[in-house]
N, C-alpha and C. Protein backbone atom coordinates (compact mmCIF):
# COMPACT_ATOMS: atom_id res chain seq x y z
N MET A 1 108.51 147.25 78.00
CA MET A 1 108.52 145.68 76.67
C MET A 1 110.25 144.47 77.36
N ALA A 2 111.21 145.68 77.79
CA ALA A 2 112.21 145.17 78.18
C ALA A 2 112.22 144.76 79.23
N LEU A 3 111.70 145.00 80.68
CA LEU A 3 111.16 144.48 81.38
C LEU A 3 109.94 143.15 80.70
N ARG A 4 109.07 143.76 80.32
CA ARG A 4 108.35 141.61 80.40
C ARG A 4 108.71 140.55 79.64
N MET A 5 109.80 140.60 78.43
CA MET A 5 110.78 140.27 78.17
C MET A 5 111.53 139.35 79.02
N PHE A 6 112.87 140.28 80.38
CA PHE A 6 113.30 139.93 81.32
C PHE A 6 112.15 138.73 82.08
N ILE A 7 110.99 139.39 82.97
CA ILE A 7 109.86 138.87 83.57
C ILE A 7 109.85 137.03 82.98
N HIS A 8 109.83 137.01 81.50
CA HIS A 8 109.33 136.05 80.54
C HIS A 8 110.34 135.14 80.64
N ARG A 9 111.79 135.53 80.51
CA ARG A 9 113.02 134.62 80.72
C ARG A 9 113.00 134.48 81.48
N MET A 10 112.90 135.01 82.62
CA MET A 10 112.71 134.26 84.22
C MET A 10 111.69 133.66 84.58
N PHE A 11 110.53 133.54 84.07
CA PHE A 11 109.50 132.79 83.76
C PHE A 11 110.13 131.26 83.29
N LEU A 12 110.83 130.80 82.18
CA LEU A 12 110.97 129.80 81.81
C LEU A 12 111.60 128.85 81.92
N ARG A 13 112.74 129.95 83.07
CA ARG A 13 113.98 129.45 83.81
C ARG A 13 113.62 128.70 85.13
N ARG A 14 112.78 129.48 85.84
CA ARG A 14 111.96 128.90 86.73
C ARG A 14 111.27 128.09 86.55
N GLN A 15 110.64 127.78 85.17
CA GLN A 15 110.18 126.45 85.59
C GLN A 15 110.14 125.35 84.37
N ASP A 16 111.84 125.44 83.43
CA ASP A 16 112.64 124.14 83.68
C ASP A 16 113.20 123.85 84.86
N THR A 17 113.63 124.52 85.27
CA THR A 17 114.02 124.22 86.85
C THR A 17 113.37 122.98 87.52
N ASP A 18 112.04 123.83 87.96
CA ASP A 18 111.42 122.98 88.86
C ASP A 18 110.62 122.15 88.25
N ASP A 19 110.86 121.90 86.67
CA ASP A 19 110.37 120.30 85.93
C ASP A 19 111.44 119.49 85.74
N ASP A 20 112.75 119.77 86.60
CA ASP A 20 113.54 119.26 86.23
C ASP A 20 113.20 117.55 87.04
N ILE A 21 112.60 117.46 88.30
CA ILE A 21 112.55 116.72 89.38
C ILE A 21 112.07 115.24 88.42
N ILE A 22 110.57 115.89 87.38
CA ILE A 22 110.13 114.42 86.94
C ILE A 22 109.94 114.73 86.00
N SER A 23 109.65 114.39 84.90
CA SER A 23 109.31 114.59 84.07
C SER A 23 107.30 113.92 83.88
N LYS A 24 107.39 114.66 82.30
CA LYS A 24 105.22 115.00 82.27
C LYS A 24 104.78 112.95 82.30
N LYS A 25 105.78 112.16 81.63
CA LYS A 25 104.66 111.20 81.84
C LYS A 25 104.95 110.67 83.06
N SER A 26 106.62 110.66 84.23
CA SER A 26 106.56 110.12 85.61
C SER A 26 104.84 110.77 86.45
N LEU A 27 104.80 112.04 86.15
CA LEU A 27 103.37 112.92 87.24
C LEU A 27 102.80 111.86 86.63
N GLN A 28 102.65 111.97 85.86
CA GLN A 28 101.16 110.99 85.09
C GLN A 28 100.45 110.29 85.81
N SER A 29 101.83 109.07 85.35
CA SER A 29 101.55 107.60 86.65
C SER A 29 101.47 108.04 87.50
N VAL A 30 102.85 109.32 88.81
CA VAL A 30 102.35 109.17 90.02
C VAL A 30 100.56 109.84 90.32
N LYS A 31 100.30 110.64 89.90
CA LYS A 31 99.16 111.48 90.17
C LYS A 31 97.53 109.70 89.83
N GLN A 32 97.76 108.35 89.02
CA GLN A 32 97.29 107.61 89.18
C GLN A 32 97.70 106.78 90.12
N ILE A 33 98.33 106.67 90.38
CA ILE A 33 98.48 106.25 91.65
C ILE A 33 98.33 107.22 93.18
N ILE A 34 98.22 107.80 93.32
CA ILE A 34 97.68 108.44 94.25
C ILE A 34 96.34 108.42 94.38
N ASN A 35 95.36 108.31 92.86
CA ASN A 35 94.02 108.69 92.87
C ASN A 35 94.35 106.94 93.53
N PHE A 36 94.60 106.05 93.02
CA PHE A 36 93.91 104.69 93.71
C PHE A 36 94.50 104.82 95.12
N LEU A 37 95.55 105.26 95.58
CA LEU A 37 95.88 105.07 97.06
C LEU A 37 94.25 105.85 97.52
N LYS A 38 94.20 106.74 97.39
CA LYS A 38 92.81 107.47 97.79
C LYS A 38 92.10 106.66 97.88
N GLU A 39 91.55 105.97 96.67
CA GLU A 39 90.26 104.93 96.62
C GLU A 39 91.00 103.80 97.81
N HIS A 40 91.07 103.28 98.07
CA HIS A 40 91.92 102.26 98.89
C HIS A 40 92.99 103.30 100.31
N ALA A 41 92.00 104.08 101.11
CA ALA A 41 92.80 104.70 102.15
C ALA A 41 92.47 104.05 103.55
N ARG A 42 91.49 103.07 103.28
CA ARG A 42 91.78 102.00 104.60
C ARG A 42 92.11 101.06 104.57
N GLU A 43 92.89 100.98 103.36
CA GLU A 43 93.38 99.51 103.19
C GLU A 43 94.59 99.82 104.88
N GLU A 44 95.72 98.69 105.25
CA GLU A 44 95.97 98.90 106.19
C GLU A 44 97.25 98.23 106.28
N GLY A 45 98.29 99.40 106.57
CA GLY A 45 99.90 99.26 106.21
C GLY A 45 100.42 100.38 105.29
N LEU A 46 99.73 101.52 105.01
CA LEU A 46 100.08 101.79 103.92
C LEU A 46 101.67 102.93 104.20
N PHE A 47 102.30 102.32 102.99
CA PHE A 47 103.55 103.29 103.11
C PHE A 47 104.15 102.40 104.02
N ARG A 48 104.18 101.14 104.86
CA ARG A 48 104.73 101.24 105.84
C ARG A 48 104.63 99.11 105.70
N ARG A 49 103.91 98.37 104.71
CA ARG A 49 104.53 97.15 104.91
C ARG A 49 104.79 97.34 103.00
N ALA A 50 105.70 96.66 102.78
CA ALA A 50 106.20 96.08 101.33
C ALA A 50 104.80 95.57 100.15
N GLY A 51 104.40 94.94 100.78
CA GLY A 51 103.51 94.05 99.96
C GLY A 51 104.12 92.88 98.67
N ARG A 52 103.67 92.68 97.91
CA ARG A 52 104.46 91.67 96.51
C ARG A 52 105.88 92.40 96.16
N ARG A 53 107.24 91.90 96.53
CA ARG A 53 108.60 92.56 95.45
C ARG A 53 107.39 92.11 93.99
N ASP A 54 107.13 91.09 92.96
CA ASP A 54 106.93 91.40 92.12
C ASP A 54 106.52 92.51 91.13
N LEU A 55 105.05 92.56 91.81
CA LEU A 55 103.97 93.75 91.71
C LEU A 55 104.85 95.25 91.97
N ARG A 56 105.04 94.63 92.67
CA ARG A 56 105.78 96.29 93.21
C ARG A 56 107.18 97.03 92.57
N ARG A 57 107.30 95.46 91.99
CA ARG A 57 108.85 96.40 91.10
C ARG A 57 108.55 96.52 89.49
N ARG A 58 107.48 95.70 89.44
CA ARG A 58 106.43 96.43 87.90
C ARG A 58 105.93 97.70 88.39
N ILE A 59 105.03 97.80 89.77
CA ILE A 59 104.49 99.27 89.41
C ILE A 59 105.66 100.38 89.00
N LEU A 60 107.01 100.12 89.86
CA LEU A 60 107.58 101.07 90.20
C LEU A 60 108.63 101.21 88.85
N ASN A 61 108.84 100.17 88.50
CA ASN A 61 109.50 100.66 86.53
C ASN A 61 107.90 101.36 85.80
N SER A 62 107.07 101.33 86.52
CA SER A 62 106.09 102.23 85.21
C SER A 62 105.91 103.48 85.82
N LEU A 63 106.00 103.57 87.33
CA LEU A 63 106.97 105.27 87.71
C LEU A 63 107.92 105.33 86.81
N LYS A 64 108.75 105.01 87.03
CA LYS A 64 109.51 105.70 85.91
C LYS A 64 110.23 105.53 84.35
N LYS A 65 109.28 104.68 83.98
CA LYS A 65 109.17 105.26 82.29
C LYS A 65 107.81 105.70 82.05
N GLY A 66 106.94 106.61 83.08
CA GLY A 66 106.23 107.15 82.77
C GLY A 66 104.64 106.43 82.02
N GLU A 67 104.54 104.94 82.43
CA GLU A 67 103.18 103.49 81.98
C GLU A 67 102.24 104.15 83.13
N LYS A 68 101.75 104.04 82.39
CA LYS A 68 99.88 103.51 82.88
C LYS A 68 100.60 102.24 84.29
N PRO A 69 100.33 102.29 84.91
CA PRO A 69 100.28 101.36 86.13
C PRO A 69 99.69 100.28 85.77
N HIS A 70 99.57 99.09 85.93
CA HIS A 70 98.95 97.80 85.67
C HIS A 70 98.87 96.85 87.33
N LEU A 71 97.18 97.45 87.67
CA LEU A 71 97.17 97.08 89.32
C LEU A 71 96.73 95.71 89.37
N GLY A 72 96.44 95.49 88.22
CA GLY A 72 95.40 93.90 88.25
C GLY A 72 94.13 93.98 88.83
N ASN A 73 94.14 93.07 89.95
CA ASN A 73 92.70 92.92 90.07
C ASN A 73 91.96 93.94 91.62
N ASN A 74 92.78 94.87 91.34
CA ASN A 74 93.18 96.65 92.50
C ASN A 74 93.44 95.90 93.73
N ASP A 75 93.79 94.55 93.51
CA ASP A 75 94.42 94.22 95.60
C ASP A 75 95.43 94.42 95.32
N ALA A 76 96.25 96.13 94.85
CA ALA A 76 97.55 96.42 94.91
C ALA A 76 97.97 97.60 95.77
N ALA A 77 97.38 97.84 96.67
CA ALA A 77 97.28 98.89 97.31
C ALA A 77 98.57 99.06 98.25
N LEU A 78 98.95 98.21 99.06
CA LEU A 78 100.25 98.09 99.18
C LEU A 78 101.82 98.25 98.75
N GLU A 79 101.72 97.76 97.44
CA GLU A 79 102.61 97.61 96.53
C GLU A 79 102.90 99.20 95.40
N CYS A 80 101.54 99.43 95.59
CA CYS A 80 101.61 100.99 95.06
C CYS A 80 101.95 102.22 95.55
N ALA A 81 101.89 101.19 97.39
CA ALA A 81 102.47 102.72 97.73
C ALA A 81 104.29 102.69 97.90
N ALA A 82 104.34 100.90 98.24
CA ALA A 82 105.88 100.71 98.26
C ALA A 82 106.72 101.18 97.51
N ALA A 83 105.47 101.31 96.17
CA ALA A 83 106.55 101.91 94.99
C ALA A 83 106.82 103.18 95.27
N LEU A 84 105.94 103.97 95.42
CA LEU A 84 105.50 105.60 95.75
C LEU A 84 107.01 105.95 96.05
N GLN A 85 106.90 105.15 97.38
CA GLN A 85 107.76 105.38 98.07
C GLN A 85 109.39 105.76 97.69
N LEU A 86 109.73 104.24 97.29
CA LEU A 86 110.49 104.37 96.59
C LEU A 86 111.12 105.23 95.44
N PHE A 87 110.00 105.29 94.70
CA PHE A 87 110.13 105.85 93.42
C PHE A 87 110.30 107.80 94.41
N LEU A 88 109.79 108.12 94.48
CA LEU A 88 109.80 109.34 95.47
C LEU A 88 111.70 109.80 95.81
N SER A 89 111.70 108.23 96.49
CA SER A 89 113.17 108.38 97.23
C SER A 89 114.72 109.03 96.50
N HIS A 90 114.47 108.32 94.50
CA HIS A 90 115.67 108.18 94.00
C HIS A 90 115.17 109.27 93.06
N LEU A 91 114.46 110.25 93.56
CA LEU A 91 114.57 111.44 92.14
C LEU A 91 115.48 112.60 92.26
N LYS A 92 115.79 113.06 91.16
CA LYS A 92 116.75 113.58 90.94
C LYS A 92 116.81 114.66 92.07
N LYS A 93 115.90 115.37 92.52
CA LYS A 93 115.18 116.77 93.40
C LYS A 93 115.53 115.93 94.41
N PRO A 94 115.35 115.99 96.26
CA PRO A 94 114.42 116.56 97.10
C PRO A 94 112.92 116.66 96.91
N VAL A 95 112.16 115.72 97.10
CA VAL A 95 111.12 115.39 97.35
C VAL A 95 110.41 117.57 97.43
N MET A 96 110.50 117.46 99.09
CA MET A 96 110.98 118.35 99.92
C MET A 96 111.98 119.46 99.50
N PRO A 97 112.18 120.76 99.32
CA PRO A 97 112.92 121.73 98.50
C PRO A 97 113.64 121.78 99.40
N GLN A 98 115.32 121.80 99.43
CA GLN A 98 115.95 121.77 100.56
C GLN A 98 115.85 122.88 101.86
N HIS A 99 115.72 124.21 101.35
CA HIS A 99 115.45 125.26 101.90
C HIS A 99 114.19 125.45 102.58
N VAL A 100 113.10 124.18 102.43
CA VAL A 100 111.19 124.42 103.37
C VAL A 100 111.95 123.31 104.32
N GLN A 101 113.50 121.87 104.09
CA GLN A 101 113.13 121.33 104.97
C GLN A 101 114.04 121.58 106.26
N GLN A 102 114.69 122.68 105.73
CA GLN A 102 115.83 123.86 107.13
C GLN A 102 114.69 123.97 107.53
N LEU A 103 113.99 124.86 107.54
CA LEU A 103 112.60 125.89 108.16
C LEU A 103 112.06 124.42 108.80
N LEU A 104 111.99 123.89 108.47
CA LEU A 104 111.10 123.07 109.18
C LEU A 104 111.85 121.88 110.05
N LEU A 105 113.43 121.41 110.52
CA LEU A 105 114.22 121.31 110.63
C LEU A 105 114.85 121.57 111.77
N ALA A 106 114.64 123.55 111.64
CA ALA A 106 115.99 124.25 112.60
C ALA A 106 114.55 124.43 114.02
N ASP A 107 116.08 124.66 114.92
CA ASP A 107 115.09 124.95 116.05
C ASP A 107 114.57 126.52 116.45
N ASN A 108 113.14 126.29 116.68
CA ASN A 108 112.93 127.88 116.54
C ASN A 108 111.98 127.38 117.87
N PRO A 109 112.43 127.96 119.14
CA PRO A 109 112.32 127.84 120.67
C PRO A 109 111.51 128.49 120.64
N GLY A 110 109.79 128.18 121.27
CA GLY A 110 108.80 129.01 121.21
C GLY A 110 107.31 128.79 120.09
N VAL A 111 108.01 128.61 119.19
CA VAL A 111 107.05 128.55 118.11
C VAL A 111 106.92 127.61 117.46
N THR A 112 105.23 127.33 117.33
CA THR A 112 104.87 126.35 117.72
C THR A 112 104.79 125.68 116.31
N ALA A 113 104.21 124.70 116.02
CA ALA A 113 104.52 123.29 114.67
C ALA A 113 103.53 124.60 114.12
N HIS A 114 102.26 124.70 114.43
CA HIS A 114 101.08 124.86 113.44
C HIS A 114 102.11 126.93 112.66
N MET A 115 102.37 127.32 113.42
CA MET A 115 103.24 128.43 112.52
C MET A 115 104.26 128.29 111.70
N ILE A 116 105.38 127.62 112.01
CA ILE A 116 105.95 126.88 111.47
C ILE A 116 105.44 126.19 109.93
N ALA A 117 104.94 125.49 109.79
CA ALA A 117 104.69 124.69 109.09
C ALA A 117 104.14 125.62 108.09
N LYS A 118 102.94 126.41 108.67
CA LYS A 118 102.51 128.00 107.89
C LYS A 118 103.71 129.10 107.23
N ASP A 119 104.83 129.13 107.59
CA ASP A 119 105.72 129.06 106.97
C ASP A 119 106.72 128.37 105.71
N ALA A 120 106.17 127.28 106.46
CA ALA A 120 106.96 126.44 105.16
C ALA A 120 106.22 126.11 103.99
N LEU A 121 105.34 126.34 104.10
CA LEU A 121 103.79 126.34 102.85
C LEU A 121 103.75 127.89 102.14
N GLY A 122 103.87 128.67 102.69
CA GLY A 122 104.79 129.90 102.05
C GLY A 122 105.68 130.03 101.36
N LEU A 123 106.78 129.56 101.90
CA LEU A 123 107.74 129.15 100.88
C LEU A 123 107.36 127.93 99.86
N ILE A 124 106.91 127.44 99.77
CA ILE A 124 106.66 126.38 98.98
C ILE A 124 105.98 126.86 97.68
N ARG A 125 104.61 127.74 98.36
CA ARG A 125 104.12 128.65 97.37
C ARG A 125 104.43 129.40 96.32
N GLN A 126 105.55 129.94 97.15
CA GLN A 126 106.48 131.58 96.86
C GLN A 126 107.73 130.80 95.37
N ASP A 127 108.20 129.85 96.22
CA ASP A 127 109.36 129.23 95.43
C ASP A 127 109.21 128.04 94.56
N VAL A 128 108.11 126.90 94.32
CA VAL A 128 107.93 125.89 93.76
C VAL A 128 106.75 126.17 93.30
N GLY A 129 106.91 125.93 91.98
CA GLY A 129 105.88 125.73 90.74
C GLY A 129 106.63 123.98 89.68
N GLY A 130 105.90 124.63 89.18
CA GLY A 130 105.98 123.97 88.01
C GLY A 130 105.73 122.10 87.51
N ARG A 131 106.40 121.13 87.26
CA ARG A 131 106.50 120.07 88.03
C ARG A 131 106.27 119.43 88.86
N HIS A 132 107.41 120.21 89.63
CA HIS A 132 107.38 120.22 90.90
C HIS A 132 106.80 120.00 92.32
N GLY A 133 105.92 121.80 91.92
CA GLY A 133 104.74 121.84 92.69
C GLY A 133 103.61 121.01 92.82
N GLU A 134 102.97 120.49 91.19
CA GLU A 134 102.42 119.69 91.56
C GLU A 134 102.81 118.80 92.00
N LEU A 135 104.08 118.27 92.26
CA LEU A 135 103.84 116.87 92.88
C LEU A 135 103.96 116.68 93.53
N LEU A 136 104.44 117.55 94.22
CA LEU A 136 104.54 117.78 95.74
C LEU A 136 102.84 118.02 96.70
N ALA A 137 102.47 119.60 96.18
CA ALA A 137 100.97 119.28 96.16
C ALA A 137 100.55 118.09 95.99
N GLY A 138 100.17 117.47 95.33
CA GLY A 138 99.87 116.23 94.90
C GLY A 138 100.18 115.38 96.59
N LEU A 139 101.19 115.26 96.14
CA LEU A 139 101.78 114.18 97.58
C LEU A 139 101.11 114.19 99.21
N LEU A 140 101.27 115.90 99.06
CA LEU A 140 100.62 116.32 100.11
C LEU A 140 99.03 116.07 100.22
N ASP A 141 98.51 116.30 99.18
CA ASP A 141 97.18 116.40 99.49
C ASP A 141 96.32 114.77 99.85
N LEU A 142 97.22 114.11 99.26
CA LEU A 142 97.54 112.14 99.59
C LEU A 142 97.22 112.00 100.51
N LEU A 143 98.90 113.08 101.37
CA LEU A 143 99.00 112.27 102.98
C LEU A 143 98.00 112.51 103.73
N ARG A 144 96.97 114.37 103.65
CA ARG A 144 95.97 114.54 104.27
C ARG A 144 94.33 113.66 104.32
N HIS A 145 94.32 113.33 103.44
CA HIS A 145 93.48 112.31 102.79
C HIS A 145 93.37 110.86 103.20
N LEU A 146 94.59 110.14 103.30
CA LEU A 146 95.23 109.35 103.89
C LEU A 146 94.69 109.23 105.34
N THR A 147 95.10 110.47 106.15
CA THR A 147 95.58 110.64 107.53
C THR A 147 93.76 110.16 108.03
N LEU A 148 93.03 111.56 107.92
CA LEU A 148 91.61 111.31 107.90
C LEU A 148 91.02 110.06 107.33
N SER A 149 91.46 109.53 106.64
CA SER A 149 90.14 108.13 106.04
C SER A 149 91.17 106.56 105.89
N GLY A 150 92.30 107.32 107.68
CA GLY A 150 92.83 105.61 107.03
C GLY A 150 92.19 104.62 108.23
N PRO A 151 92.23 103.41 108.04
CA PRO A 151 91.53 102.42 108.99
C PRO A 151 91.80 102.82 110.29
N PRO A 152 90.39 102.92 111.15
CA PRO A 152 90.43 103.00 112.58
C PRO A 152 91.77 102.49 113.12
N SER A 153 91.46 101.40 113.22
CA SER A 153 93.17 100.20 113.70
C SER A 153 94.28 100.92 114.16
N GLU A 154 94.59 102.10 113.16
CA GLU A 154 95.77 102.24 112.92
C GLU A 154 96.01 104.18 113.54
N ARG A 155 95.28 104.25 113.89
CA ARG A 155 94.83 105.36 114.11
C ARG A 155 94.12 105.56 116.40
N SER A 156 95.18 106.57 116.98
CA SER A 156 94.39 106.79 118.06
C SER A 156 94.37 108.01 118.47
N GLU A 157 93.49 108.01 119.83
CA GLU A 157 93.52 110.05 119.83
C GLU A 157 94.58 110.49 120.55
N LEU A 158 95.81 110.01 121.11
CA LEU A 158 96.72 110.27 121.13
C LEU A 158 97.77 110.22 119.89
N ARG A 159 97.96 109.70 119.27
CA ARG A 159 98.72 109.40 118.36
C ARG A 159 98.64 109.79 116.90
N GLY A 160 97.36 109.54 116.53
CA GLY A 160 96.60 110.57 115.52
C GLY A 160 97.29 109.14 114.30
N SER A 161 97.54 109.17 112.45
CA SER A 161 97.82 108.92 111.84
C SER A 161 99.24 108.35 111.64
N PRO A 162 99.82 107.26 111.95
CA PRO A 162 101.49 106.79 111.70
C PRO A 162 101.97 107.25 111.10
N LEU A 163 100.82 107.66 109.61
CA LEU A 163 102.21 108.37 108.11
C LEU A 163 103.29 109.13 108.14
N PRO A 164 102.91 110.43 109.18
CA PRO A 164 103.72 111.44 109.62
C PRO A 164 105.26 110.88 109.26
N ILE A 165 105.17 110.09 110.15
CA ILE A 165 106.08 109.34 111.38
C ILE A 165 106.71 108.34 109.60
N ALA A 166 106.39 107.94 109.46
CA ALA A 166 106.22 106.78 108.58
C ALA A 166 107.83 107.28 107.21
N LEU A 167 106.93 108.48 107.10
CA LEU A 167 107.47 109.49 105.27
C LEU A 167 108.31 110.14 105.60
N LEU A 168 109.22 110.37 107.09
CA LEU A 168 110.18 111.46 106.87
C LEU A 168 111.39 110.81 106.59
N PRO A 169 111.50 110.14 106.20
CA PRO A 169 112.96 109.66 105.28
C PRO A 169 112.40 109.86 103.77
N VAL A 170 111.19 109.87 103.64
CA VAL A 170 111.05 110.24 101.77
C VAL A 170 111.43 111.65 101.94
N PHE A 171 110.60 113.05 102.90
CA PHE A 171 110.34 114.17 102.57
C PHE A 171 111.73 114.29 102.84
N PHE A 172 112.15 114.27 103.90
CA PHE A 172 113.32 115.33 104.36
C PHE A 172 114.58 114.15 105.11
N THR A 173 115.96 114.87 104.39
CA THR A 173 117.61 114.22 105.12
C THR A 173 117.84 114.67 106.22
N LEU A 174 117.40 113.53 106.53
CA LEU A 174 117.68 113.51 107.94
C LEU A 174 119.47 113.40 108.64
N THR A 175 119.92 113.86 109.47
CA THR A 175 121.04 113.92 109.96
C THR A 175 120.91 113.07 111.24
N PRO A 176 121.91 112.52 111.86
CA PRO A 176 121.59 111.68 113.56
C PRO A 176 120.94 112.58 114.58
N ALA A 177 121.69 113.78 114.24
CA ALA A 177 121.02 115.34 115.57
C ALA A 177 120.05 115.23 114.53
N ASP A 178 118.89 115.39 113.47
CA ASP A 178 117.64 115.78 113.79
C ASP A 178 116.83 114.56 114.59
N LEU A 179 117.67 113.33 113.76
CA LEU A 179 116.98 111.95 114.79
C LEU A 179 115.84 112.50 116.06
N VAL A 180 117.20 112.77 116.54
CA VAL A 180 117.02 113.01 118.07
C VAL A 180 115.77 113.73 118.56
N LYS A 181 115.61 114.53 117.94
CA LYS A 181 113.94 115.21 117.76
C LYS A 181 112.88 114.63 116.71
N TRP A 182 112.73 113.78 116.27
CA TRP A 182 112.13 113.25 115.09
C TRP A 182 111.07 113.45 116.05
N LYS A 183 110.16 113.55 117.23
CA LYS A 183 108.54 113.68 117.60
C LYS A 183 108.42 115.23 117.05
N GLN A 184 109.37 116.22 117.86
CA GLN A 184 108.94 117.48 116.81
C GLN A 184 109.22 117.48 115.30
N VAL A 185 110.10 117.14 115.18
CA VAL A 185 109.77 117.30 112.74
C VAL A 185 108.53 116.75 112.37
N ALA A 186 108.21 115.45 113.00
CA ALA A 186 107.09 114.76 112.88
C ALA A 186 105.75 115.57 113.05
N ALA A 187 105.77 116.74 114.23
CA ALA A 187 104.54 117.35 114.68
C ALA A 187 104.91 118.40 113.43
N ARG A 188 105.49 119.24 113.23
CA ARG A 188 105.83 120.28 112.62
C ARG A 188 105.50 119.63 110.81
N PHE A 189 105.75 118.35 110.54
CA PHE A 189 105.21 117.61 109.30
C PHE A 189 103.65 117.52 109.01
N ASN A 190 103.48 116.81 110.74
CA ASN A 190 101.97 116.71 110.42
C ASN A 190 100.80 118.41 110.01
N GLU A 191 101.46 119.41 110.53
CA GLU A 191 100.90 120.20 110.27
C GLU A 191 100.53 120.61 109.39
N LEU A 192 102.16 120.23 108.63
CA LEU A 192 102.26 120.81 107.19
C LEU A 192 100.91 119.71 106.98
N ILE A 193 101.29 118.60 106.75
CA ILE A 193 100.01 118.17 105.66
C ILE A 193 98.72 118.31 105.74
N THR A 194 98.43 118.76 107.29
CA THR A 194 97.13 118.99 107.22
C THR A 194 96.71 119.93 106.90
N GLU A 195 97.58 121.70 106.90
CA GLU A 195 97.24 123.02 106.26
C GLU A 195 97.29 122.96 104.41
N ALA A 196 98.50 121.42 103.97
CA ALA A 196 98.66 122.23 103.08
C ALA A 196 97.81 122.52 102.00
N PRO A 197 96.18 121.34 101.42
CA PRO A 197 95.01 121.28 100.89
C PRO A 197 95.14 122.42 100.57
N GLU A 198 94.62 123.54 102.15
CA GLU A 198 93.85 124.75 101.43
C GLU A 198 95.40 125.71 101.30
N GLN A 199 95.86 125.66 101.44
CA GLN A 199 97.69 126.95 101.76
C GLN A 199 97.85 126.15 100.37
N LEU A 200 97.76 125.66 99.52
CA LEU A 200 98.65 125.31 98.34
C LEU A 200 98.04 125.44 97.13
N GLN A 201 96.51 125.48 97.11
CA GLN A 201 95.56 125.85 96.45
C GLN A 201 96.31 127.13 95.67
N LEU A 202 96.39 128.15 96.37
CA LEU A 202 96.79 129.49 96.22
C LEU A 202 98.20 129.00 94.56
N ASN A 203 98.78 127.82 95.08
CA ASN A 203 99.80 127.72 94.43
C ASN A 203 99.02 127.02 93.16
N GLU A 204 98.79 127.32 92.71
CA GLU A 204 97.34 126.35 91.34
C GLU A 204 97.27 127.41 90.88
N ASN A 205 96.55 128.58 91.38
CA ASN A 205 96.32 130.31 90.92
C ASN A 205 97.42 130.78 90.49
N ARG A 206 98.27 130.42 91.62
CA ARG A 206 99.70 131.81 90.96
C ARG A 206 99.84 130.48 90.10
N SER A 207 100.37 129.73 89.27
CA SER A 207 100.65 129.17 87.97
C SER A 207 99.63 128.91 86.84
N CYS A 208 98.67 129.64 87.11
CA CYS A 208 98.05 129.88 86.26
C CYS A 208 98.09 131.24 85.52
N GLU A 209 98.33 132.12 87.11
CA GLU A 209 98.66 133.46 86.51
C GLU A 209 99.54 134.07 85.44
N MET A 210 100.90 132.61 86.68
CA MET A 210 101.94 133.22 85.68
C MET A 210 101.72 132.59 84.09
N GLU A 211 100.95 131.04 83.95
CA GLU A 211 101.22 131.05 82.21
C GLU A 211 100.54 131.86 81.72
N SER A 212 99.59 132.39 82.39
CA SER A 212 99.16 134.19 81.14
C SER A 212 99.64 134.84 80.97
N ALA A 213 100.81 135.38 82.38
CA ALA A 213 101.67 135.55 81.88
C ALA A 213 102.33 135.95 80.79
N ARG A 214 102.67 134.33 80.73
CA ARG A 214 103.89 133.84 79.19
C ARG A 214 103.27 134.05 78.38
N LEU A 215 102.12 133.64 77.80
CA LEU A 215 101.05 133.26 76.87
C LEU A 215 101.15 134.87 76.04
N SER A 216 101.04 135.56 77.48
CA SER A 216 100.48 137.85 76.87
C SER A 216 102.04 137.28 75.97
N VAL A 217 102.75 137.89 76.90
CA VAL A 217 104.18 137.85 76.59
C VAL A 217 104.85 137.37 75.03
N GLU A 218 104.32 136.36 74.50
CA GLU A 218 104.51 135.31 73.68
C GLU A 218 103.72 135.72 72.24
N ASN A 219 102.38 136.10 72.70
CA ASN A 219 101.42 136.82 71.40
C ASN A 219 101.76 138.54 71.59
N THR A 220 102.25 138.31 72.45
CA THR A 220 102.82 140.54 71.70
C THR A 220 104.13 140.25 71.12
N ASP A 221 104.83 139.14 71.48
CA ASP A 221 106.27 139.22 70.05
C ASP A 221 105.85 139.12 69.18
N ASN A 222 104.64 137.92 69.33
CA ASN A 222 104.05 136.59 67.67
C ASN A 222 103.75 137.94 66.87
N VAL A 223 102.78 139.29 68.26
CA VAL A 223 102.37 140.10 66.66
C VAL A 223 103.67 141.55 65.95
N ARG A 224 104.86 141.67 66.93
CA ARG A 224 105.59 142.33 66.72
C ARG A 224 106.56 141.79 65.31
N LEU A 225 106.68 140.28 65.91
CA LEU A 225 106.96 139.54 64.21
C LEU A 225 106.91 139.85 63.17
N GLY A 226 105.17 140.01 63.34
CA GLY A 226 104.72 139.51 62.34
C GLY A 226 104.51 140.76 61.24
N ARG A 227 104.73 142.16 62.12
CA ARG A 227 104.70 143.36 61.32
C ARG A 227 105.74 143.34 60.61
């Protein structure tokens, strides 16, 4: 029983830490923006053009307050993407955990971008839960959708989608030394985006299992108190 209580306390401590990054209401607002951007995936310039300043500011304030964004006549995809980008850049913690960034930025001669990305996703599955895990998985899923469904005018066989490059500053804290190898970092990030939707489904299952374990411990405690 002592072991179960220890696991329970560690779970709650870990969950509190993972929830620090964003409030529950703001996470719901982000999810609404994500769904909206998926519906407007073929809009040119997402995350690269700022759109109208006033609308962008209103959407950003909605994200901060955790309110439902008012998107007018649905002609707000550029502003939604720009507001989301600003919001993510000013969170309490990096969207991409620091130790995962270090893995993706490190020099690993002879190791493919694909293998490094899979290792990074393994760290995310293992170490990132709660609202932080939901946020990161949702964002990577959005980027995968946009890279597959973006307008043909923004893609080429050689370069693919420009999004991984455009969003490097949002997901990574880049030093001047990192900027020199930005192509390598972008290639690894692109692999991470490609693999994330399938790999991070396991994270959802793990969260459910951990929640079940928490409820089991709480139920046991309630039975003991009842006696």
